[in-house]
Each structure stands twice: as structure tokens, then as C-alpha cells.
Amino acid sequence: MPQAPVPVAKVAEPETTADAARLRASVEKLVSFGTRHTLSSATDPKRGIGAARTWGAAEFARIAKACGGCLTISRVSQTFTGPRAPAGVVVENVLAIQPGTGDPGDVVIIAGHIDSRVSDVMDFSSDAPGANDNSSGSALVLEAARLMSRTKHRATIVYALLSGEEQGLWGGQLLVSDAKSRGWTVLALLNNDIVGGTRGTNGVIERNHVRVFSEGIRAAEDLPGQRARRAIGGEDDGPSRALAKAAEDFARRDVGLIDVKLVRRPDRLRRGGDHLPALEAGLPAVRFSVAIEDYDHQHQDVRIEDGRKYGDTIDEMDFPYLARVTDLNIALAQRLANAPAAPQGVVIEGAMSSNTTVRWQPVNGASGYRIAWRPTDVTGWSRSMDVGADITSYMLKDVVIDDHFFGVAALNAKGEASIISFGGLAPTP
């Protein structure tokens, strides 16, 4: 007699702070604008990039009203010209700025580009729903603003909807120049681009982690700087990589957060995102992107061809997954916005000695410091010790400089840490 089939237990979705239904509603609204191509209409109230940006600004304004005016809405624009906009186009970023209560000049940015495209990057009239690329990142930014605006933070937080990414990373360039003109010290840029899908082109589903891309050798370093980093072995420890490691470490310590796969490249091969201009300017920046990509549903005309579906449509998305990526962004941004700035001028001394001395410059508002070290054959920090705010030099006994890497983070009164600044060699007298 045949046995009855064993019922398959339904796996419960992890609880999230971010609201998957709200994220879906934001993506649906963005898709409803038909196309958000950077060259599409900036004035049509219902269709095109202009309507999408105006809606985004209105959403920020609604959030600002709910928090008693805690957000300042800013629409920053500049004309760009290039191969993908030969006649020039006005690129506009929509920002919501939540001023910090301690050091408002220190800034953490959560960003995502709002523009979309189809197969032909110059086609600004066809429907380009851009559900995953990148309504997902834009929805994440809005949800982060809604949740994080409920509390105050030491540093300023900027929620950024960027334009012109598909035409030349122009929104990222505009964000960097805007930050410079405002005198911001950018502690971190978290760029979210394609963060809402879990099925790959080959049908494989991966929901357990998100990729975080970061640079090794710094784009902003000149040749002597790169040689100095190579000499000390710091290729894996620039500010961007330190930020990615912080995300990885934070996810590992909090069992409720999605796992992080640290990708030791600035971005996907021969592709790019709005964090790259920040890296070129020397700012700590990373890109969050899905664990596995579906290329049939990126940069494609919406169509069915030989029975195969193409196009970046909302039915290909996974909103509980997007909620988990949103939670990770929020947790990391809150930690960095509440911790002091990362120490500067971290140097190590101890050649031909059994001991290593680590020195650093004092950080305004730090309640203490965390000295971290690891063997040279290990990528993650394995040892650490905390010292008081009055200490900016410490000798680690029986820790040989040739066999270890060193770094220092600044701590607040709650023990929340900045990213770790890698220790280099002091300049030769």
C-alpha cells in the first residue's frame, strides 16, 4: 500500500524590523512611472524620472512630518554630458538629511539610484520598470529613513535617491561634489543597487546572504601611497574594506541579521555603481547587492522570446529578503552614526623587537579605543583589547610586528565602535 506523502513544513520568514509590504508598495509605485530613464521627462507629472523624483521627495517630506521635521529635504542638480547623454541632461539627486546631535559634520549616507533602463541604454521612451534595478535600493532608502528618523544619532544621516547611474554614475559624482561643498566628513557610504531578488539566471535560489563589494588598493591613493600600503601589507584594510569587514562582523554577531559575503572587488567585473565616485574621492564606500543575479531581468526590454521571459518586473522580486537587507543597512548605519569617527594617523613601531607599539591621534568624543590585531595569515581581526580615552599609545608585549597586522577603532560610552583604521608605518624622519 503506497505511503501518504510526507507534508513539507513551511519555513517561517525571519522577523524583520523593515516592513516587506511597505517595501513592495514603494517598488510598485516606482514601477508605475513607466520609465525612470534619466533622459525621460523631467516635467510629466505621471511618467518619467521627474515624476519619480518628485514622489520620492514627497515620501521624504511625509516621513519628516511624522518625526516633527527631523529631516531636511534637498534636491540637488547639475547638468552632465557624455556618450549616453550627448545633448546633456540635468541630473537631480533627492536627499533627506537628518542632522546629527553630536557632530553634524560627520555623515553616514544610505543611497540607491532611482533611474532605470532597458536593453538600449539610449531608449528613454519604452517601459523600463526597473523593479530590482533599482526600485529595490530606492525602496530600501525610504524604509531606512522611516525607521531611523524615529531616533537621534551622533552623526548626520543622509538618505539619498540618486539619478543618472545608468548613464554614467553621475548621481554618485554629484553626491560626492555636494558632500565636499557642504564640508561633510563622510564616515560611510552604503550604496544599495539590486538588493531585492533571490533567483539567479540558472534558477538557483539564494536567500541567506547579501554580497558586499569593497576595494582593496585604494583608487584615491597615488603611486607612493600604493607602494606604502603594499610595503605594510595593507591591501586588504583600506577604509572601504574596513567598512565591508564591519558589515560582515556585525552580521555575524547579530543572529537576526542576514549573512554577509564579503567580495574583495570594488564591484562586479566590468560593471559599476554609484559608490565608485566616492572611492575615487577617498571616501569609505561599499556596494550591497543580491547574492545571485538574474541577467534575464536586468537591463532588458520587457518581452517573451522563445518562451523565455525577460524584463526587470516586480514578480521576480523577494520582498522578505529585501527587508532583511534593509535591516542590515539600518543596523550598520546606526552603529556608525552613534560611534565616534575612526581614528586617524594610526602607526606601528617595533621593528626588530618582540613588542609592538601602536599610536594614533585622539578622536573627538571618544570614550575609549579598541586596539585590534591579527596574524598576517588571517583576514579578520582575531584579537583586541580596549583602552581608555586618555590613551593614544600602547605597547603590546610579545606581539611581534612582523607576524601581525594592527588597527584601532574609537568607542563611545556604550562600546559601539567605528570602523577600524589600519596601522601603517610612521613617516621616515
Protein backbone atom coordinates (compact mmCIF):
# COMPACT_ATOMS: atom_id res chain seq x y z
CA MET A 1 0.00 0.00 0.00
CA PRO A 2 1.57 3.31 -1.03
CA GLN A 3 2.53 5.64 1.78
CA ALA A 4 0.93 9.05 2.07
CA PRO A 5 3.29 11.87 1.09
CA VAL A 6 5.07 13.50 3.98
CA PRO A 7 3.93 17.13 4.28
CA VAL A 8 6.71 19.67 3.78
CA ALA A 9 6.93 22.09 6.66
CA LYS A 10 6.76 25.73 5.64
CA VAL A 11 9.83 27.63 6.76
CA ALA A 12 8.88 30.80 8.62
CA GLU A 13 10.32 34.05 7.37
CA PRO A 14 12.82 35.65 9.77
CA GLU A 15 11.34 38.54 11.70
CA THR A 16 12.43 41.91 10.38
CA THR A 17 12.17 45.49 11.53
CA ALA A 18 11.71 46.65 7.95
CA ASP A 19 8.21 46.15 6.57
CA ALA A 20 8.23 43.89 3.49
CA ALA A 21 4.74 45.07 2.50
CA ARG A 22 5.79 48.70 2.65
CA LEU A 23 8.88 47.94 0.59
CA ARG A 24 6.68 46.25 -2.00
CA ALA A 25 4.34 49.23 -2.12
CA SER A 26 7.27 51.58 -2.77
CA VAL A 27 8.57 49.37 -5.59
CA GLU A 28 5.08 49.15 -7.11
CA LYS A 29 4.81 52.94 -7.08
CA LEU A 30 8.21 53.40 -8.71
CA VAL A 31 7.37 50.84 -11.39
CA SER A 32 4.10 52.70 -12.07
CA PHE A 33 6.02 55.66 -13.53
CA GLY A 34 6.58 53.56 -16.66
CA THR A 35 10.21 54.52 -17.17
CA ARG A 36 12.65 56.31 -14.93
CA HIS A 37 15.31 56.66 -17.60
CA THR A 38 17.49 59.69 -16.88
CA LEU A 39 16.67 61.14 -20.33
CA SER A 40 12.90 60.68 -19.85
CA SER A 41 10.59 63.57 -19.00
CA ALA A 42 11.52 65.67 -16.00
CA THR A 43 8.18 67.52 -16.07
CA ASP A 44 5.45 64.96 -16.82
CA PRO A 45 3.54 64.52 -13.53
CA LYS A 46 2.81 60.82 -14.11
CA ARG A 47 5.55 59.29 -16.24
CA GLY A 48 9.32 59.53 -16.24
CA ILE A 49 12.25 60.36 -14.00
CA GLY A 50 10.85 63.71 -12.91
CA ALA A 51 7.63 62.22 -11.56
CA ALA A 52 9.61 59.53 -9.71
CA ARG A 53 11.93 62.04 -8.09
CA THR A 54 9.03 64.27 -7.06
CA TRP A 55 7.29 61.29 -5.49
CA GLY A 56 10.48 60.36 -3.64
CA ALA A 57 10.79 63.91 -2.28
CA ALA A 58 7.14 63.78 -1.19
CA GLU A 59 7.75 60.49 0.63
CA PHE A 60 10.71 62.04 2.45
CA ALA A 61 8.51 65.04 3.34
CA ARG A 62 5.83 62.71 4.73
CA ILE A 63 8.44 60.95 6.88
CA ALA A 64 9.78 64.32 8.02
CA LYS A 65 6.30 65.39 9.12
CA ALA A 66 5.88 62.19 11.14
CA CYS A 67 9.14 62.85 13.03
CA GLY A 68 8.39 66.50 13.74
CA GLY A 69 10.53 67.94 10.99
CA CYS A 70 13.66 65.90 11.75
CA LEU A 71 14.53 65.65 8.02
CA THR A 72 15.54 68.42 5.65
CA ILE A 73 14.69 67.67 2.02
CA SER A 74 17.22 68.81 -0.57
CA ARG A 75 17.05 68.45 -4.36
CA VAL A 76 20.49 68.94 -5.84
CA SER A 77 21.02 69.11 -9.60
CA GLN A 78 23.75 69.51 -12.19
CA THR A 79 23.96 69.19 -15.97
CA PHE A 80 26.07 66.29 -17.25
CA THR A 81 27.14 65.48 -20.80
CA GLY A 82 28.60 62.21 -22.05
CA PRO A 83 28.28 59.42 -24.60
CA ARG A 84 24.96 58.34 -23.07
CA ALA A 85 23.64 61.92 -22.97
CA PRO A 86 25.37 63.73 -25.86
CA ALA A 87 22.98 66.71 -25.69
CA GLY A 88 23.38 66.99 -21.93
CA VAL A 89 20.89 66.19 -19.19
CA VAL A 90 20.04 67.64 -15.80
CA VAL A 91 20.76 65.03 -13.13
CA GLU A 92 19.00 65.54 -9.82
CA ASN A 93 19.58 63.79 -6.50
CA VAL A 94 16.87 63.85 -3.84
CA LEU A 95 18.28 63.89 -0.32
CA ALA A 96 16.71 63.69 3.11
CA ILE A 97 19.16 64.94 5.75
CA GLN A 98 18.78 64.01 9.41
CA PRO A 99 21.21 66.28 11.33
CA GLY A 100 23.35 64.65 13.99
CA THR A 101 23.07 65.71 17.60
CA GLY A 102 26.79 65.45 18.34
CA ASP A 103 28.98 66.07 15.31
CA PRO A 104 26.66 67.02 12.42
CA GLY A 105 29.61 67.36 10.06
CA ASP A 106 30.22 63.61 10.35
CA VAL A 107 27.92 61.89 7.86
CA VAL A 108 26.68 58.38 7.10
CA ILE A 109 24.95 58.01 3.71
CA ILE A 110 22.45 55.33 2.70
CA ALA A 111 21.95 55.55 -1.07
CA GLY A 112 20.28 53.91 -4.04
CA HIS A 113 19.79 55.09 -7.62
CA ILE A 114 16.24 55.74 -8.76
CA ASP A 115 16.75 55.70 -12.56
CA SER A 116 16.10 52.67 -14.79
CA ARG A 117 16.82 51.43 -18.33
CA VAL A 118 16.04 48.72 -20.90
CA SER A 119 18.26 46.88 -23.39
CA ASP A 120 19.20 50.01 -25.33
CA VAL A 121 20.68 52.44 -22.82
CA MET A 122 19.59 55.34 -25.07
CA ASP A 123 15.93 54.22 -25.20
CA PHE A 124 14.13 56.62 -22.87
CA SER A 125 10.58 56.04 -24.14
CA SER A 126 9.98 52.30 -23.68
CA ASP A 127 8.70 50.98 -20.38
CA ALA A 128 11.64 50.35 -18.05
CA PRO A 129 10.10 49.09 -14.80
CA GLY A 130 13.45 48.70 -13.06
CA ALA A 131 11.89 46.76 -10.19
CA ASN A 132 15.06 45.21 -8.81
CA ASP A 133 17.45 47.59 -10.58
CA ASN A 134 16.91 49.75 -8.75
CA SER A 135 13.50 50.31 -7.22
CA SER A 136 14.70 47.84 -4.60
CA GLY A 137 17.52 50.12 -3.46
CA SER A 138 15.30 53.20 -3.59
CA ALA A 139 12.62 51.49 -1.52
CA LEU A 140 15.29 50.45 0.98
CA VAL A 141 16.45 54.06 1.33
CA LEU A 142 12.89 55.25 2.01
CA GLU A 143 12.24 52.49 4.55
CA ALA A 144 15.53 53.23 6.30
CA ALA A 145 14.53 56.89 6.54
CA ARG A 146 11.14 55.97 8.01
CA LEU A 147 12.66 53.74 10.69
CA MET A 148 15.87 55.60 11.54
CA SER A 149 14.20 59.01 11.76
CA ARG A 150 12.48 57.82 14.93
CA THR A 151 15.72 58.09 16.91
CA LYS A 152 18.55 60.57 17.20
CA HIS A 153 22.17 59.85 16.31
CA ARG A 154 25.51 61.50 16.97
CA ALA A 155 26.35 61.87 13.29
CA THR A 156 24.20 63.15 10.45
CA ILE A 157 22.46 60.55 8.31
CA VAL A 158 21.72 61.28 4.66
CA TYR A 159 19.14 59.22 2.77
CA ALA A 160 19.89 59.63 -0.94
CA LEU A 161 17.91 58.83 -4.09
CA LEU A 162 20.38 59.25 -6.94
CA SER A 163 19.81 59.79 -10.67
CA GLY A 164 21.97 59.21 -13.73
CA GLU A 165 23.58 55.96 -12.59
CA GLU A 166 22.81 54.10 -15.80
CA GLN A 167 24.13 56.96 -17.94
CA GLY A 168 27.50 57.34 -16.23
CA LEU A 169 27.38 57.12 -12.41
CA TRP A 170 26.50 60.80 -12.48
CA GLY A 171 24.36 60.72 -9.36
CA GLY A 172 27.30 59.32 -7.44
CA GLN A 173 29.57 62.03 -8.81
CA LEU A 174 27.05 64.71 -7.87
CA LEU A 175 26.71 63.27 -4.36
CA VAL A 176 30.48 63.41 -3.83
CA SER A 177 30.78 67.01 -5.03
CA ASP A 178 27.76 68.01 -2.94
CA ALA A 179 29.27 66.40 0.16
CA LYS A 180 32.51 68.29 -0.45
CA SER A 181 30.73 71.63 -0.89
CA ARG A 182 28.82 71.11 2.36
CA GLY A 183 32.02 70.27 4.23
CA TRP A 184 30.83 66.81 5.22
CA THR A 185 33.20 64.21 6.62
CA VAL A 186 31.75 61.04 5.15
CA LEU A 187 32.15 58.16 7.60
CA ALA A 188 30.48 55.66 5.30
CA LEU A 189 28.52 55.42 2.05
CA LEU A 190 26.27 52.37 1.86
CA ASN A 191 25.23 52.03 -1.78
CA ASN A 192 22.31 49.67 -2.41
CA ASP A 193 21.93 48.54 -6.01
CA ILE A 194 19.95 45.41 -7.00
CA VAL A 195 19.08 44.20 -3.49
CA GLY A 196 15.63 42.61 -3.89
CA GLY A 197 15.91 39.31 -5.80
CA THR A 198 16.91 35.78 -4.83
CA ARG A 199 16.71 33.75 -8.06
CA GLY A 200 19.65 33.51 -10.44
CA THR A 201 19.59 33.18 -14.21
CA ASN A 202 20.24 29.46 -13.79
CA GLY A 203 17.25 29.05 -11.47
CA VAL A 204 19.33 28.72 -8.30
CA ILE A 205 17.78 30.48 -5.30
CA GLU A 206 20.00 32.07 -2.66
CA ARG A 207 18.31 33.92 0.21
CA ASN A 208 20.81 33.53 3.02
CA HIS A 209 23.31 36.26 2.32
CA VAL A 210 23.93 39.58 0.60
CA ARG A 211 27.15 40.47 -1.21
CA VAL A 212 29.13 43.49 -0.03
CA PHE A 213 31.67 44.78 -2.56
CA SER A 214 34.69 46.83 -1.47
CA GLU A 215 38.01 47.98 -2.87
CA GLY A 216 41.43 46.78 -1.71
CA ILE A 217 44.19 49.00 -3.13
CA ARG A 218 42.59 52.44 -2.97
CA ALA A 219 41.55 54.28 -6.12
CA ALA A 220 42.34 57.57 -4.36
CA GLU A 221 45.94 56.69 -3.48
CA ASP A 222 48.80 57.93 -5.59
CA LEU A 223 51.62 55.59 -6.56
CA PRO A 224 53.75 56.33 -3.47
CA GLY A 225 50.69 55.71 -1.30
CA GLN A 226 50.01 52.41 -3.01
CA ARG A 227 53.64 51.38 -2.60
CA ALA A 228 53.48 52.24 1.10
CA ARG A 229 50.32 50.17 1.51
CA ARG A 230 51.92 47.28 -0.34
CA ALA A 231 55.01 47.50 1.86
CA ILE A 232 52.97 47.25 5.07
CA GLY A 233 50.65 44.56 3.69
CA GLY A 234 47.54 46.72 3.94
CA GLU A 235 45.94 45.80 0.61
CA ASP A 236 43.01 44.21 2.48
CA ASP A 237 42.49 47.01 5.01
CA GLY A 238 41.70 50.33 3.35
CA PRO A 239 38.65 52.30 4.56
CA SER A 240 36.29 50.61 2.05
CA ARG A 241 37.43 47.12 3.01
CA ALA A 242 37.29 48.06 6.71
CA LEU A 243 33.67 49.15 6.21
CA ALA A 244 32.84 45.86 4.48
CA LYS A 245 34.50 43.91 7.29
CA ALA A 246 32.43 45.87 9.81
CA ALA A 247 29.27 44.82 7.96
CA GLU A 248 30.45 41.21 7.92
CA ASP A 249 31.35 41.28 11.61
CA PHE A 250 28.11 42.97 12.60
CA ALA A 251 26.04 40.42 10.70
CA ARG A 252 27.97 37.57 12.29
CA ARG A 253 27.43 38.88 15.82
CA ASP A 254 23.68 39.54 15.43
CA VAL A 255 21.88 36.28 14.64
CA GLY A 256 18.85 38.21 13.40
CA LEU A 257 20.71 39.82 10.52
CA ILE A 258 21.26 38.40 7.06
CA ASP A 259 24.72 36.96 6.42
CA VAL A 260 27.30 38.97 4.52
CA LYS A 261 29.54 37.61 1.77
CA LEU A 262 32.49 39.95 1.55
CA VAL A 263 33.53 40.31 -2.10
CA ARG A 264 37.07 41.64 -2.42
CA ARG A 265 36.40 43.69 -5.56
CA PRO A 266 35.06 47.23 -5.92
CA ASP A 267 32.11 45.89 -7.97
CA ARG A 268 31.08 43.17 -10.42
CA LEU A 269 33.58 42.70 -13.25
CA ARG A 270 33.27 45.38 -15.96
CA ARG A 271 30.29 46.88 -14.14
CA GLY A 272 29.91 49.69 -11.67
CA GLY A 273 27.73 51.59 -9.22
CA ASP A 274 27.39 54.95 -7.52
CA HIS A 275 29.88 54.08 -4.78
CA LEU A 276 32.77 54.17 -7.27
CA PRO A 277 32.96 58.01 -7.46
CA ALA A 278 33.13 58.01 -3.65
CA LEU A 279 36.05 55.58 -3.73
CA GLU A 280 37.83 57.75 -6.27
CA ALA A 281 37.40 60.66 -3.83
CA GLY A 282 38.91 58.61 -0.99
CA LEU A 283 35.66 58.06 0.93
CA PRO A 284 34.75 54.78 2.71
CA ALA A 285 32.10 53.23 0.45
CA VAL A 286 30.69 49.78 -0.32
CA ARG A 287 28.02 48.28 -2.53
CA PHE A 288 25.28 45.94 -1.30
CA SER A 289 23.90 43.61 -3.97
CA VAL A 290 21.93 40.37 -4.10
CA ALA A 291 23.60 37.02 -3.50
CA ILE A 292 22.82 35.84 -7.03
CA GLU A 293 21.77 37.84 -10.09
CA ASP A 294 19.25 37.11 -12.82
CA TYR A 295 20.60 38.68 -16.00
CA ASP A 296 17.37 37.97 -17.91
CA HIS A 297 15.75 40.52 -15.62
CA GLN A 298 18.34 43.31 -15.74
CA HIS A 299 18.75 45.93 -18.47
CA GLN A 300 16.25 44.07 -20.67
CA ASP A 301 13.23 45.04 -22.76
CA VAL A 302 10.12 43.50 -21.24
CA ARG A 303 9.25 40.60 -23.55
CA ILE A 304 8.83 36.86 -24.01
CA GLU A 305 11.23 35.35 -26.50
CA ASP A 306 11.31 31.65 -27.39
CA GLY A 307 9.22 31.01 -24.31
CA ARG A 308 11.70 32.82 -22.06
CA LYS A 309 10.62 35.84 -20.04
CA TYR A 310 12.77 38.97 -19.93
CA GLY A 311 12.47 42.29 -18.14
CA ASP A 312 13.02 43.74 -14.68
CA THR A 313 9.50 43.23 -13.35
CA ILE A 314 8.19 43.12 -9.80
CA ASP A 315 7.10 39.49 -9.91
CA GLU A 316 10.77 38.46 -9.93
CA MET A 317 11.44 40.03 -6.53
CA ASP A 318 11.61 38.66 -2.97
CA PHE A 319 10.41 41.30 -0.50
CA PRO A 320 11.14 39.44 2.76
CA TYR A 321 14.73 39.19 1.51
CA LEU A 322 14.76 42.92 0.73
CA ALA A 323 13.51 43.59 4.27
CA ARG A 324 16.47 41.65 5.68
CA VAL A 325 18.97 43.63 3.57
CA THR A 326 17.25 46.81 4.76
CA ASP A 327 17.67 45.72 8.39
CA LEU A 328 21.38 45.16 7.83
CA ASN A 329 21.79 48.64 6.36
CA ILE A 330 19.94 50.19 9.27
CA ALA A 331 21.91 48.28 11.92
CA LEU A 332 25.26 49.17 10.35
CA ALA A 333 24.33 52.82 9.73
CA GLN A 334 23.09 53.28 13.29
CA ARG A 335 26.27 51.80 14.72
CA LEU A 336 28.49 54.04 12.61
CA ALA A 337 26.35 57.14 13.25
CA ASN A 338 26.48 56.61 17.01
CA ALA A 339 30.14 55.64 17.29
CA PRO A 340 32.91 58.26 17.11
CA ALA A 341 34.78 58.84 13.88
CA ALA A 342 37.53 56.36 13.00
CA PRO A 343 40.99 57.26 14.37
CA GLN A 344 43.47 58.96 12.08
CA GLY A 345 47.23 58.65 11.99
CA VAL A 346 47.45 55.06 13.23
CA VAL A 347 51.09 53.95 13.11
CA ILE A 348 53.02 50.98 14.44
CA GLU A 349 56.58 50.69 15.77
CA GLY A 350 58.65 47.71 16.88
CA ALA A 351 60.93 46.52 14.13
CA MET A 352 63.49 44.01 15.43
CA SER A 353 61.60 43.70 18.71
CA SER A 354 59.29 41.21 20.43
CA ASN A 355 56.86 44.03 21.25
CA THR A 356 54.76 46.33 19.07
CA THR A 357 53.71 49.87 19.94
CA VAL A 358 50.54 51.26 18.34
CA ARG A 359 49.97 55.03 18.24
CA TRP A 360 47.06 57.11 16.98
CA GLN A 361 45.60 60.60 17.07
CA PRO A 362 42.87 61.33 19.65
CA VAL A 363 39.27 61.30 18.39
CA ASN A 364 36.81 63.96 19.48
CA GLY A 365 34.12 62.47 21.74
CA ALA A 366 35.73 59.02 22.04
CA SER A 367 35.15 57.26 25.37
CA GLY A 368 37.91 54.79 24.61
CA TYR A 369 39.69 52.90 21.89
CA ARG A 370 39.86 49.30 20.70
CA ILE A 371 43.26 48.04 19.58
CA ALA A 372 42.86 45.11 17.21
CA TRP A 373 45.44 42.75 15.79
CA ARG A 374 45.61 39.51 13.85
CA PRO A 375 48.23 37.14 12.44
CA THR A 376 49.36 38.01 8.93
CA ASP A 377 47.76 34.85 7.50
CA VAL A 378 44.27 35.79 8.78
CA THR A 379 41.86 38.24 7.08
CA GLY A 380 39.59 39.00 10.04
CA TRP A 381 40.58 40.69 13.30
CA SER A 382 41.11 37.89 15.85
CA ARG A 383 42.40 39.71 18.95
CA SER A 384 41.54 43.03 20.56
CA MET A 385 41.72 44.99 23.78
CA ASP A 386 40.03 48.20 24.93
CA VAL A 387 41.84 51.13 26.50
CA GLY A 388 40.68 54.43 27.97
CA ALA A 389 40.07 57.73 26.23
CA ASP A 390 43.28 59.19 27.66
CA ILE A 391 45.46 56.61 25.92
CA THR A 392 46.71 57.15 22.36
CA SER A 393 49.78 54.92 22.52
CA TYR A 394 50.04 51.34 23.74
CA MET A 395 52.69 48.64 23.75
CA LEU A 396 51.53 45.10 23.03
CA LYS A 397 54.06 42.84 24.75
CA ASP A 398 55.19 39.69 22.97
CA VAL A 399 53.21 40.58 19.83
CA VAL A 400 55.78 40.63 17.04
CA ILE A 401 55.25 43.36 14.45
CA ASP A 402 56.46 41.19 11.55
CA ASP A 403 53.87 38.50 12.28
CA HIS A 404 50.76 40.62 12.80
CA PHE A 405 48.57 43.37 11.36
CA PHE A 406 47.23 46.12 13.64
CA GLY A 407 44.38 48.61 13.73
CA VAL A 408 42.45 50.92 16.06
CA ALA A 409 38.75 51.80 16.40
CA ALA A 410 37.20 54.56 18.50
CA LEU A 411 34.48 53.68 21.05
CA ASN A 412 31.55 55.56 22.52
CA ALA A 413 30.30 55.14 26.09
CA LYS A 414 28.17 52.15 25.06
CA GLY A 415 31.11 50.39 23.45
CA GLU A 416 29.90 50.99 19.89
CA ALA A 417 32.92 51.09 17.60
CA SER A 418 33.93 52.99 14.49
CA ILE A 419 35.40 51.13 11.57
CA ILE A 420 38.96 50.01 12.23
CA SER A 421 41.78 52.20 10.95
CA PHE A 422 44.72 50.13 9.75
CA GLY A 423 48.13 50.77 11.26
CA GLY A 424 50.89 51.81 8.92
CA LEU A 425 54.50 52.88 9.36
CA ALA A 426 55.35 56.30 10.70
CA PRO A 427 57.00 58.59 8.10
CA THR A 428 60.76 58.29 7.98
CA PRO A 429 62.37 61.33 9.63
